[in-house]
Amino acid sequence: PGPPWPEEVLARRHVLPTKPDPGVVRTERLEIRPY
């Protein structure tokens, strides 16, 4: 089977929320915020 993920990667499965939450993201010219 495929290679195992490191434990620190697998740990994120139980931390990431069901509803995505990237926060407010700022790039060079833009702000990406919740609608």
PDB file of all heavy atoms in Angstrom:
ATOM      1  N   PRO A   1       0.842  -1.201   0.000  1.00  0.00           N
ATOM      2  CA  PRO A   1       0.000   0.000   0.000  1.00  0.00           C
ATOM      3  C   PRO A   1       0.876   1.250   0.000  1.00  0.00           C
ATOM      4  O   PRO A   1       2.100   1.173   0.138  1.00  0.00           O
ATOM      5  CB  PRO A   1      -0.794  -0.127   1.308  1.00  0.00           C
ATOM      6  CG  PRO A   1       0.046  -1.003   2.171  1.00  0.00           C
ATOM      7  CD  PRO A   1       0.753  -1.955   1.245  1.00  0.00           C
ATOM      8  N   GLY A   2       0.220   2.389  -0.153  1.00  0.00           N
ATOM      9  CA  GLY A   2       0.950   3.652  -0.208  1.00  0.00           C
ATOM     10  C   GLY A   2       1.711   3.924   1.071  1.00  0.00           C
ATOM     11  O   GLY A   2       1.455   3.322   2.121  1.00  0.00           O
ATOM     12  N   PRO A   3       2.673   4.842   1.012  1.00  0.00           N
ATOM     13  CA  PRO A   3       3.495   5.137   2.190  1.00  0.00           C
ATOM     14  C   PRO A   3       2.660   5.772   3.295  1.00  0.00           C
ATOM     15  O   PRO A   3       1.708   6.501   3.024  1.00  0.00           O
ATOM     16  CB  PRO A   3       4.541   6.113   1.647  1.00  0.00           C
ATOM     17  CG  PRO A   3       3.891   6.749   0.460  1.00  0.00           C
ATOM     18  CD  PRO A   3       3.034   5.678  -0.150  1.00  0.00           C
ATOM     19  N   PRO A   4       2.985   5.495   4.534  1.00  0.00           N
ATOM     20  CA  PRO A   4       2.238   6.093   5.651  1.00  0.00           C
ATOM     21  C   PRO A   4       2.571   7.578   5.791  1.00  0.00           C
ATOM     22  O   PRO A   4       3.694   8.005   5.515  1.00  0.00           O
ATOM     23  CB  PRO A   4       2.723   5.295   6.866  1.00  0.00           C
ATOM     24  CG  PRO A   4       4.106   4.842   6.480  1.00  0.00           C
ATOM     25  CD  PRO A   4       4.050   4.593   4.998  1.00  0.00           C
ATOM     26  N   TRP A   5       1.575   8.342   6.207  1.00  0.00           N
ATOM     27  CA  TRP A   5       1.834   9.745   6.518  1.00  0.00           C
ATOM     28  C   TRP A   5       2.537   9.834   7.864  1.00  0.00           C
ATOM     29  O   TRP A   5       2.291   9.014   8.764  1.00  0.00           O
ATOM     30  CB  TRP A   5       0.521  10.514   6.613  1.00  0.00           C
ATOM     31  CG  TRP A   5      -0.185  10.768   5.322  1.00  0.00           C
ATOM     32  CD1 TRP A   5      -1.382  10.253   4.939  1.00  0.00           C
ATOM     33  CD2 TRP A   5       0.237  11.625   4.256  1.00  0.00           C
ATOM     34  NE1 TRP A   5      -1.743  10.717   3.706  1.00  0.00           N
ATOM     35  CE2 TRP A   5      -0.767  11.571   3.257  1.00  0.00           C
ATOM     36  CE3 TRP A   5       1.354  12.425   4.047  1.00  0.00           C
ATOM     37  CZ2 TRP A   5      -0.680  12.290   2.071  1.00  0.00           C
ATOM     38  CZ3 TRP A   5       1.437  13.143   2.853  1.00  0.00           C
ATOM     39  CH2 TRP A   5       0.437  13.073   1.887  1.00  0.00           C
ATOM     40  N   PRO A   6       3.385  10.840   8.054  1.00  0.00           N
ATOM     41  CA  PRO A   6       3.964  11.077   9.391  1.00  0.00           C
ATOM     42  C   PRO A   6       2.864  11.373  10.411  1.00  0.00           C
ATOM     43  O   PRO A   6       1.792  11.875  10.060  1.00  0.00           O
ATOM     44  CB  PRO A   6       4.862  12.304   9.166  1.00  0.00           C
ATOM     45  CG  PRO A   6       5.140  12.322   7.702  1.00  0.00           C
ATOM     46  CD  PRO A   6       3.908  11.762   7.039  1.00  0.00           C
ATOM     47  N   GLU A   7       3.111  11.068  11.648  1.00  0.00           N
ATOM     48  CA  GLU A   7       2.109  11.266  12.691  1.00  0.00           C
ATOM     49  C   GLU A   7       1.645  12.714  12.780  1.00  0.00           C
ATOM     50  O   GLU A   7       0.466  12.984  13.021  1.00  0.00           O
ATOM     51  CB  GLU A   7       2.664  10.806  14.044  1.00  0.00           C
ATOM     52  CG  GLU A   7       2.781   9.303  14.184  1.00  0.00           C
ATOM     53  CD  GLU A   7       1.442   8.608  14.047  1.00  0.00           C
ATOM     54  OE1 GLU A   7       0.430   9.166  14.539  1.00  0.00           O
ATOM     55  OE2 GLU A   7       1.388   7.517  13.443  1.00  0.00           O
ATOM     56  N   GLU A   8       2.567  13.664  12.568  1.00  0.00           N
ATOM     57  CA  GLU A   8       2.170  15.069  12.668  1.00  0.00           C
ATOM     58  C   GLU A   8       1.217  15.468  11.545  1.00  0.00           C
ATOM     59  O   GLU A   8       0.383  16.364  11.710  1.00  0.00           O
ATOM     60  CB  GLU A   8       3.401  15.986  12.674  1.00  0.00           C
ATOM     61  CG  GLU A   8       4.269  15.933  11.433  1.00  0.00           C
ATOM     62  CD  GLU A   8       5.374  14.903  11.534  1.00  0.00           C
ATOM     63  OE1 GLU A   8       5.244  13.961  12.342  1.00  0.00           O
ATOM     64  OE2 GLU A   8       6.373  15.055  10.796  1.00  0.00           O
ATOM     65  N   VAL A   9       1.317  14.812  10.382  1.00  0.00           N
ATOM     66  CA  VAL A   9       0.372  15.064   9.293  1.00  0.00           C
ATOM     67  C   VAL A   9      -0.980  14.458   9.637  1.00  0.00           C
ATOM     68  O   VAL A   9      -2.032  15.098   9.510  1.00  0.00           O
ATOM     69  CB  VAL A   9       0.906  14.492   7.961  1.00  0.00           C
ATOM     70  CG1 VAL A   9      -0.164  14.580   6.879  1.00  0.00           C
ATOM     71  CG2 VAL A   9       2.161  15.239   7.531  1.00  0.00           C
ATOM     72  N   LEU A  10      -0.979  13.209  10.086  1.00  0.00           N
ATOM     73  CA  LEU A  10      -2.228  12.547  10.436  1.00  0.00           C
ATOM     74  C   LEU A  10      -2.963  13.259  11.563  1.00  0.00           C
ATOM     75  O   LEU A  10      -4.199  13.254  11.616  1.00  0.00           O
ATOM     76  CB  LEU A  10      -1.954  11.096  10.829  1.00  0.00           C
ATOM     77  CG  LEU A  10      -1.484  10.174   9.700  1.00  0.00           C
ATOM     78  CD1 LEU A  10      -1.133   8.804  10.268  1.00  0.00           C
ATOM     79  CD2 LEU A  10      -2.542  10.049   8.616  1.00  0.00           C
ATOM     80  N   ALA A  11      -2.231  13.887  12.459  1.00  0.00           N
ATOM     81  CA  ALA A  11      -2.851  14.577  13.585  1.00  0.00           C
ATOM     82  C   ALA A  11      -3.763  15.708  13.125  1.00  0.00           C
ATOM     83  O   ALA A  11      -4.744  16.046  13.803  1.00  0.00           O
ATOM     84  CB  ALA A  11      -1.782  15.113  14.523  1.00  0.00           C
ATOM     85  N   ARG A  12      -3.488  16.300  11.957  1.00  0.00           N
ATOM     86  CA  ARG A  12      -4.302  17.403  11.458  1.00  0.00           C
ATOM     87  C   ARG A  12      -5.713  16.939  11.100  1.00  0.00           C
ATOM     88  O   ARG A  12      -6.639  17.750  11.045  1.00  0.00           O
ATOM     89  CB  ARG A  12      -3.635  18.032  10.235  1.00  0.00           C
ATOM     90  CG  ARG A  12      -2.242  18.590  10.486  1.00  0.00           C
ATOM     91  CD  ARG A  12      -2.229  19.580  11.637  1.00  0.00           C
ATOM     92  NE  ARG A  12      -3.093  20.721  11.384  1.00  0.00           N
ATOM     93  CZ  ARG A  12      -3.411  21.640  12.279  1.00  0.00           C
ATOM     94  NH1 ARG A  12      -2.970  21.531  13.528  1.00  0.00           N
ATOM     95  NH2 ARG A  12      -4.201  22.653  11.967  1.00  0.00           N
ATOM     96  N   ARG A  13      -5.903  15.642  10.854  1.00  0.00           N
ATOM     97  CA  ARG A  13      -7.222  15.124  10.510  1.00  0.00           C
ATOM     98  C   ARG A  13      -8.242  15.390  11.611  1.00  0.00           C
ATOM     99  O   ARG A  13      -9.442  15.497  11.358  1.00  0.00           O
ATOM    100  CB  ARG A  13      -7.150  13.618  10.250  1.00  0.00           C
ATOM    101  CG  ARG A  13      -6.181  13.212   9.160  1.00  0.00           C
ATOM    102  CD  ARG A  13      -5.926  11.721   9.164  1.00  0.00           C
ATOM    103  NE  ARG A  13      -7.073  10.974   8.649  1.00  0.00           N
ATOM    104  CZ  ARG A  13      -7.562   9.892   9.212  1.00  0.00           C
ATOM    105  NH1 ARG A  13      -7.048   9.429  10.350  1.00  0.00           N
ATOM    106  NH2 ARG A  13      -8.583   9.257   8.661  1.00  0.00           N
ATOM    107  N   HIS A  14      -7.762  15.490  12.827  1.00  0.00           N
ATOM    108  CA  HIS A  14      -8.644  15.641  13.978  1.00  0.00           C
ATOM    109  C   HIS A  14      -8.667  17.074  14.499  1.00  0.00           C
ATOM    110  O   HIS A  14      -9.294  17.352  15.528  1.00  0.00           O
ATOM    111  CB  HIS A  14      -8.213  14.683  15.076  1.00  0.00           C
ATOM    112  CG  HIS A  14      -8.062  13.272  14.585  1.00  0.00           C
ATOM    113  ND1 HIS A  14      -9.138  12.504  14.202  1.00  0.00           N
ATOM    114  CD2 HIS A  14      -6.951  12.508  14.376  1.00  0.00           C
ATOM    115  CE1 HIS A  14      -8.711  11.324  13.790  1.00  0.00           C
ATOM    116  NE2 HIS A  14      -7.390  11.301  13.891  1.00  0.00           N
ATOM    117  N   VAL A  15      -8.021  17.973  13.768  1.00  0.00           N
ATOM    118  CA  VAL A  15      -7.984  19.380  14.158  1.00  0.00           C
ATOM    119  C   VAL A  15      -8.726  20.249  13.147  1.00  0.00           C
ATOM    120  O   VAL A  15      -9.414  21.211  13.525  1.00  0.00           O
ATOM    121  CB  VAL A  15      -6.516  19.859  14.284  1.00  0.00           C
ATOM    122  CG1 VAL A  15      -6.458  21.357  14.571  1.00  0.00           C
ATOM    123  CG2 VAL A  15      -5.790  19.065  15.369  1.00  0.00           C
ATOM    124  N   LEU A  16      -8.616  19.914  11.869  1.00  0.00           N
ATOM    125  CA  LEU A  16      -9.263  20.705  10.832  1.00  0.00           C
ATOM    126  C   LEU A  16     -10.779  20.652  11.004  1.00  0.00           C
ATOM    127  O   LEU A  16     -11.352  19.581  11.214  1.00  0.00           O
ATOM    128  CB  LEU A  16      -8.874  20.183   9.446  1.00  0.00           C
ATOM    129  CG  LEU A  16      -7.405  20.370   9.067  1.00  0.00           C
ATOM    130  CD1 LEU A  16      -7.084  19.572   7.803  1.00  0.00           C
ATOM    131  CD2 LEU A  16      -7.091  21.844   8.864  1.00  0.00           C
ATOM    132  N   PRO A  17     -11.467  21.784  10.894  1.00  0.00           N
ATOM    133  CA  PRO A  17     -12.916  21.804  11.103  1.00  0.00           C
ATOM    134  C   PRO A  17     -13.671  21.244   9.899  1.00  0.00           C
ATOM    135  O   PRO A  17     -13.167  21.242   8.772  1.00  0.00           O
ATOM    136  CB  PRO A  17     -13.220  23.292  11.288  1.00  0.00           C
ATOM    137  CG  PRO A  17     -12.158  23.985  10.494  1.00  0.00           C
ATOM    138  CD  PRO A  17     -10.918  23.133  10.641  1.00  0.00           C
ATOM    139  N   THR A  18     -14.897  20.795  10.140  1.00  0.00           N
ATOM    140  CA  THR A  18     -15.742  20.315   9.051  1.00  0.00           C
ATOM    141  C   THR A  18     -16.056  21.440   8.070  1.00  0.00           C
ATOM    142  O   THR A  18     -16.037  21.253   6.856  1.00  0.00           O
ATOM    143  CB  THR A  18     -17.055  19.735   9.606  1.00  0.00           C
ATOM    144  OG1 THR A  18     -16.734  18.666  10.487  1.00  0.00           O
ATOM    145  CG2 THR A  18     -17.947  19.231   8.494  1.00  0.00           C
ATOM    146  N   LYS A  19     -16.329  22.622   8.588  1.00  0.00           N
ATOM    147  CA  LYS A  19     -16.551  23.797   7.738  1.00  0.00           C
ATOM    148  C   LYS A  19     -15.208  24.497   7.557  1.00  0.00           C
ATOM    149  O   LYS A  19     -14.578  24.888   8.539  1.00  0.00           O
ATOM    150  CB  LYS A  19     -17.568  24.742   8.369  1.00  0.00           C
ATOM    151  CG  LYS A  19     -18.090  25.812   7.408  1.00  0.00           C
ATOM    152  CD  LYS A  19     -19.258  26.544   8.018  1.00  0.00           C
ATOM    153  CE  LYS A  19     -19.873  27.512   7.017  1.00  0.00           C
ATOM    154  NZ  LYS A  19     -20.571  26.812   5.917  1.00  0.00           N
ATOM    155  N   PRO A  20     -14.735  24.643   6.325  1.00  0.00           N
ATOM    156  CA  PRO A  20     -13.399  25.210   6.109  1.00  0.00           C
ATOM    157  C   PRO A  20     -13.252  26.576   6.771  1.00  0.00           C
ATOM    158  O   PRO A  20     -14.195  27.372   6.781  1.00  0.00           O
ATOM    159  CB  PRO A  20     -13.303  25.334   4.581  1.00  0.00           C
ATOM    160  CG  PRO A  20     -14.324  24.389   4.053  1.00  0.00           C
ATOM    161  CD  PRO A  20     -15.422  24.332   5.062  1.00  0.00           C
ATOM    162  N   ASP A  21     -12.078  26.852   7.283  1.00  0.00           N
ATOM    163  CA  ASP A  21     -11.858  28.127   7.966  1.00  0.00           C
ATOM    164  C   ASP A  21     -10.428  28.614   7.716  1.00  0.00           C
ATOM    165  O   ASP A  21      -9.554  28.464   8.578  1.00  0.00           O
ATOM    166  CB  ASP A  21     -12.122  27.973   9.461  1.00  0.00           C
ATOM    167  CG  ASP A  21     -12.075  29.313  10.182  1.00  0.00           C
ATOM    168  OD1 ASP A  21     -12.114  30.363   9.506  1.00  0.00           O
ATOM    169  OD2 ASP A  21     -12.004  29.313  11.424  1.00  0.00           O
ATOM    170  N   PRO A  22     -10.181  29.208   6.536  1.00  0.00           N
ATOM    171  CA  PRO A  22      -8.834  29.723   6.270  1.00  0.00           C
ATOM    172  C   PRO A  22      -8.578  31.077   6.904  1.00  0.00           C
ATOM    173  O   PRO A  22      -7.469  31.615   6.814  1.00  0.00           O
ATOM    174  CB  PRO A  22      -8.817  29.828   4.741  1.00  0.00           C
ATOM    175  CG  PRO A  22     -10.234  30.171   4.400  1.00  0.00           C
ATOM    176  CD  PRO A  22     -11.079  29.391   5.390  1.00  0.00           C
ATOM    177  N   GLY A  23      -9.609  31.663   7.545  1.00  0.00           N
ATOM    178  CA  GLY A  23      -9.478  33.004   8.078  1.00  0.00           C
ATOM    179  C   GLY A  23      -9.518  34.018   6.945  1.00  0.00           C
ATOM    180  O   GLY A  23     -10.027  33.762   5.863  1.00  0.00           O
ATOM    181  N   VAL A  24      -8.983  35.200   7.204  1.00  0.00           N
ATOM    182  CA  VAL A  24      -8.857  36.233   6.175  1.00  0.00           C
ATOM    183  C   VAL A  24      -7.478  36.087   5.544  1.00  0.00           C
ATOM    184  O   VAL A  24      -6.468  36.124   6.242  1.00  0.00           O
ATOM    185  CB  VAL A  24      -9.051  37.641   6.763  1.00  0.00           C
ATOM    186  CG1 VAL A  24      -8.812  38.709   5.703  1.00  0.00           C
ATOM    187  CG2 VAL A  24     -10.450  37.781   7.359  1.00  0.00           C
ATOM    188  N   VAL A  25      -7.456  35.900   4.242  1.00  0.00           N
ATOM    189  CA  VAL A  25      -6.195  35.679   3.529  1.00  0.00           C
ATOM    190  C   VAL A  25      -5.853  36.946   2.751  1.00  0.00           C
ATOM    191  O   VAL A  25      -6.685  37.455   1.990  1.00  0.00           O
ATOM    192  CB  VAL A  25      -6.303  34.482   2.569  1.00  0.00           C
ATOM    193  CG1 VAL A  25      -5.007  34.299   1.782  1.00  0.00           C
ATOM    194  CG2 VAL A  25      -6.643  33.220   3.361  1.00  0.00           C
ATOM    195  N   ARG A  26      -4.653  37.431   2.931  1.00  0.00           N
ATOM    196  CA  ARG A  26      -4.204  38.634   2.215  1.00  0.00           C
ATOM    197  C   ARG A  26      -3.067  38.269   1.273  1.00  0.00           C
ATOM    198  O   ARG A  26      -2.114  37.596   1.664  1.00  0.00           O
ATOM    199  CB  ARG A  26      -3.767  39.712   3.208  1.00  0.00           C
ATOM    200  CG  ARG A  26      -4.923  40.250   4.048  1.00  0.00           C
ATOM    201  CD  ARG A  26      -4.481  41.263   5.091  1.00  0.00           C
ATOM    202  NE  ARG A  26      -5.630  41.823   5.790  1.00  0.00           N
ATOM    203  CZ  ARG A  26      -6.214  41.253   6.838  1.00  0.00           C
ATOM    204  NH1 ARG A  26      -5.748  40.097   7.302  1.00  0.00           N
ATOM    205  NH2 ARG A  26      -7.264  41.824   7.412  1.00  0.00           N
ATOM    206  N   THR A  27      -3.218  38.699   0.036  1.00  0.00           N
ATOM    207  CA  THR A  27      -2.181  38.484  -0.965  1.00  0.00           C
ATOM    208  C   THR A  27      -1.619  39.842  -1.379  1.00  0.00           C
ATOM    209  O   THR A  27      -1.916  40.861  -0.744  1.00  0.00           O
ATOM    210  CB  THR A  27      -2.754  37.738  -2.178  1.00  0.00           C
ATOM    211  OG1 THR A  27      -3.757  38.568  -2.807  1.00  0.00           O
ATOM    212  CG2 THR A  27      -3.390  36.414  -1.765  1.00  0.00           C
ATOM    213  N   GLU A  28      -0.846  39.867  -2.428  1.00  0.00           N
ATOM    214  CA  GLU A  28      -0.196  41.124  -2.833  1.00  0.00           C
ATOM    215  C   GLU A  28      -1.204  42.234  -3.112  1.00  0.00           C
ATOM    216  O   GLU A  28      -1.006  43.371  -2.693  1.00  0.00           O
ATOM    217  CB  GLU A  28       0.649  40.877  -4.076  1.00  0.00           C
ATOM    218  CG  GLU A  28       1.383  42.114  -4.567  1.00  0.00           C
ATOM    219  CD  GLU A  28       2.225  41.839  -5.799  1.00  0.00           C
ATOM    220  OE1 GLU A  28       2.308  40.668  -6.229  1.00  0.00           O
ATOM    221  OE2 GLU A  28       2.789  42.798  -6.347  1.00  0.00           O
ATOM    222  N   ARG A  29      -2.304  41.906  -3.781  1.00  0.00           N
ATOM    223  CA  ARG A  29      -3.271  42.946  -4.170  1.00  0.00           C
ATOM    224  C   ARG A  29      -4.662  42.752  -3.583  1.00  0.00           C
ATOM    225  O   ARG A  29      -5.512  43.645  -3.733  1.00  0.00           O
ATOM    226  CB  ARG A  29      -3.412  42.955  -5.701  1.00  0.00           C
ATOM    227  CG  ARG A  29      -2.158  43.292  -6.469  1.00  0.00           C
ATOM    228  CD  ARG A  29      -2.391  43.151  -7.967  1.00  0.00           C
ATOM    229  NE  ARG A  29      -2.690  41.757  -8.334  1.00  0.00           N
ATOM    230  CZ  ARG A  29      -3.118  41.382  -9.542  1.00  0.00           C
ATOM    231  NH1 ARG A  29      -3.319  42.291 -10.480  1.00  0.00           N
ATOM    232  NH2 ARG A  29      -3.339  40.098  -9.801  1.00  0.00           N
ATOM    233  N   LEU A  30      -4.901  41.633  -2.932  1.00  0.00           N
ATOM    234  CA  LEU A  30      -6.258  41.237  -2.614  1.00  0.00           C
ATOM    235  C   LEU A  30      -6.436  40.848  -1.157  1.00  0.00           C
ATOM    236  O   LEU A  30      -5.476  40.487  -0.476  1.00  0.00           O
ATOM    237  CB  LEU A  30      -6.661  40.046  -3.499  1.00  0.00           C
ATOM    238  CG  LEU A  30      -6.502  40.252  -5.008  1.00  0.00           C
ATOM    239  CD1 LEU A  30      -6.550  38.920  -5.730  1.00  0.00           C
ATOM    240  CD2 LEU A  30      -7.567  41.195  -5.527  1.00  0.00           C
ATOM    241  N   GLU A  31      -7.678  40.911  -0.726  1.00  0.00           N
ATOM    242  CA  GLU A  31      -8.087  40.342   0.557  1.00  0.00           C
ATOM    243  C   GLU A  31      -9.190  39.334   0.260  1.00  0.00           C
ATOM    244  O   GLU A  31     -10.133  39.646  -0.475  1.00  0.00           O
ATOM    245  CB  GLU A  31      -8.612  41.421   1.499  1.00  0.00           C
ATOM    246  CG  GLU A  31      -9.059  40.889   2.847  1.00  0.00           C
ATOM    247  CD  GLU A  31      -9.550  41.976   3.777  1.00  0.00           C
ATOM    248  OE1 GLU A  31      -8.699  42.605   4.439  1.00  0.00           O
ATOM    249  OE2 GLU A  31     -10.777  42.216   3.807  1.00  0.00           O
ATOM    250  N   ILE A  32      -9.061  38.135   0.819  1.00  0.00           N
ATOM    251  CA  ILE A  32     -10.036  37.070   0.617  1.00  0.00           C
ATOM    252  C   ILE A  32     -10.649  36.795   1.975  1.00  0.00           C
ATOM    253  O   ILE A  32      -9.985  36.276   2.873  1.00  0.00           O
ATOM    254  CB  ILE A  32      -9.358  35.811   0.044  1.00  0.00           C
ATOM    255  CG1 ILE A  32      -8.511  36.167  -1.188  1.00  0.00           C
ATOM    256  CG2 ILE A  32     -10.389  34.752  -0.304  1.00  0.00           C
ATOM    257  CD1 ILE A  32      -7.371  35.205  -1.452  1.00  0.00           C
ATOM    258  N   ARG A  33     -11.898  37.175   2.136  1.00  0.00           N
ATOM    259  CA  ARG A  33     -12.548  37.091   3.448  1.00  0.00           C
ATOM    260  C   ARG A  33     -13.876  36.367   3.337  1.00  0.00           C
ATOM    261  O   ARG A  33     -14.430  36.209   2.249  1.00  0.00           O
ATOM    262  CB  ARG A  33     -12.767  38.493   3.993  1.00  0.00           C
ATOM    263  CG  ARG A  33     -13.619  39.391   3.092  1.00  0.00           C
ATOM    264  CD  ARG A  33     -14.299  40.482   3.879  1.00  0.00           C
ATOM    265  NE  ARG A  33     -15.019  41.416   3.055  1.00  0.00           N
ATOM    266  CZ  ARG A  33     -16.249  41.213   2.576  1.00  0.00           C
ATOM    267  NH1 ARG A  33     -16.875  40.068   2.809  1.00  0.00           N
ATOM    268  NH2 ARG A  33     -16.864  42.141   1.855  1.00  0.00           N
ATOM    269  N   PRO A  34     -14.441  35.919   4.459  1.00  0.00           N
ATOM    270  CA  PRO A  34     -15.727  35.238   4.395  1.00  0.00           C
ATOM    271  C   PRO A  34     -16.815  36.106   3.757  1.00  0.00           C
ATOM    272  O   PRO A  34     -16.930  37.305   4.049  1.00  0.00           O
ATOM    273  CB  PRO A  34     -16.039  34.936   5.867  1.00  0.00           C
ATOM    274  CG  PRO A  34     -14.698  34.835   6.512  1.00  0.00           C
ATOM    275  CD  PRO A  34     -13.858  35.870   5.817  1.00  0.00           C
ATOM    276  N   TYR A  35     -17.591  35.491   2.899  1.00  0.00           N
ATOM    277  CA  TYR A  35     -18.746  36.149   2.291  1.00  0.00           C
ATOM    278  C   TYR A  35     -19.798  36.445   3.351  1.00  0.00           C
ATOM    279  O   TYR A  35     -20.014  35.645   4.270  1.00  0.00           O
ATOM    280  CB  TYR A  35     -19.337  35.222   1.222  1.00  0.00           C
ATOM    281  CG  TYR A  35     -20.776  35.489   0.864  1.00  0.00           C
ATOM    282  CD1 TYR A  35     -21.106  36.419  -0.122  1.00  0.00           C
ATOM    283  CD2 TYR A  35     -21.810  34.807   1.522  1.00  0.00           C
ATOM    284  CE1 TYR A  35     -22.441  36.656  -0.451  1.00  0.00           C
ATOM    285  CE2 TYR A  35     -23.136  35.042   1.200  1.00  0.00           C
ATOM    286  CZ  TYR A  35     -23.451  35.967   0.221  1.00  0.00           C
ATOM    287  OH  TYR A  35     -24.763  36.201  -0.094  1.00  0.00           O
TER     288      TYR A  35
END
